[in-house]
Protein backbone atom coordinates (compact mmCIF):
# COMPACT_ATOMS: atom_id res chain seq x y z
CA MET A 1 0.13 0.07 0.01
CA LYS A 2 1.34 3.32 -0.85
CA GLN A 3 1.44 5.62 1.90
CA ILE A 4 2.25 9.31 2.97
CA TYR A 5 4.08 11.24 5.66
CA THR A 6 1.81 14.39 6.35
CA GLY A 7 4.22 15.78 9.00
CA TYR A 8 2.92 13.98 11.75
CA LYS A 9 1.73 10.38 10.75
CA TRP A 10 1.66 8.30 8.00
CA ARG A 11 -1.52 7.70 5.85
CA PRO A 12 -2.69 5.96 2.78
CA MET A 13 -2.39 7.63 -0.71
CA THR A 14 -5.45 8.39 -2.51
CA PRO A 15 -5.93 7.03 -6.12
CA GLU A 16 -5.58 11.05 -7.15
CA GLU A 17 -2.03 11.57 -5.42
CA ILE A 18 -0.94 7.92 -6.53
CA GLU A 19 -1.53 9.33 -10.38
CA ILE A 20 0.44 12.64 -9.26
CA MET A 21 3.26 11.50 -7.37
CA ASP A 22 6.70 10.98 -8.76
CA ALA A 23 7.14 7.39 -8.56
CA THR A 24 10.56 7.49 -8.33
CA ARG A 25 10.05 9.02 -4.80
CA LEU A 26 8.69 5.69 -3.50
CA ARG A 27 10.81 3.82 -0.58
CA PRO A 28 10.55 0.20 -0.17
CA TYR A 29 10.84 1.00 3.58
CA LYS A 30 9.53 3.79 6.27
CA LEU A 31 12.40 6.53 7.32
CA GLU A 32 13.29 6.71 10.69
CA GLU A 33 13.39 9.93 10.57
CA PRO A 34 10.71 10.74 7.51
CA GLU A 35 9.87 14.43 6.43
CA SER A 36 6.71 16.10 5.54
CA GLY A 37 6.00 13.92 1.54
CA ASP A 38 8.04 11.39 1.95
CA LEU A 39 6.60 8.01 0.18
CA TYR A 40 6.24 4.70 1.23
CA ASP A 41 5.10 1.17 -0.99
CA GLY A 42 4.69 -1.24 1.19
CA PRO A 43 2.70 -3.60 4.11
CA CYS A 44 -0.20 -1.95 6.27
CA GLU A 45 0.87 -2.01 9.12
CA THR A 46 -2.63 -1.85 11.07
CA ASP A 47 -5.76 -3.02 10.38
CA GLU A 48 -7.16 0.39 10.73
CA ASP A 49 -4.86 1.24 8.05
CA GLU A 50 -6.06 -1.17 5.56
CA GLU A 51 -9.58 -0.08 6.82
CA PHE A 52 -9.08 3.16 6.06
CA TYR A 53 -7.72 2.51 2.66
CA SER A 54 -10.58 0.25 1.38
CA PHE A 55 -12.53 2.99 2.15
CA LEU A 56 -10.89 5.30 0.18
CA ARG A 57 -10.96 2.46 -3.11
CA SER A 58 -14.42 2.35 -2.29
CA LEU A 59 -15.24 6.25 -2.85
CA ASN A 60 -13.15 6.10 -6.12
CA TRP A 61 -15.23 2.81 -7.46
CA LYS A 62 -18.15 5.02 -6.79
CA ARG A 63 -17.12 8.31 -8.73
CA GLN A 64 -16.46 6.22 -11.68
């Protein structure tokens, strides 16, 4: 799952964010001291993350 660091926590990226972000900035690991805008592509760390990401996907599906 692709995630972005917002300055205080990691959160799943929306489909729109995934389209516009530079893929070369994606990392397969989370940085020890991330900065706002850092990108991560890897497994969900919690069930809550996966539930939120599933919710975002459902919103995108309904819009199309």
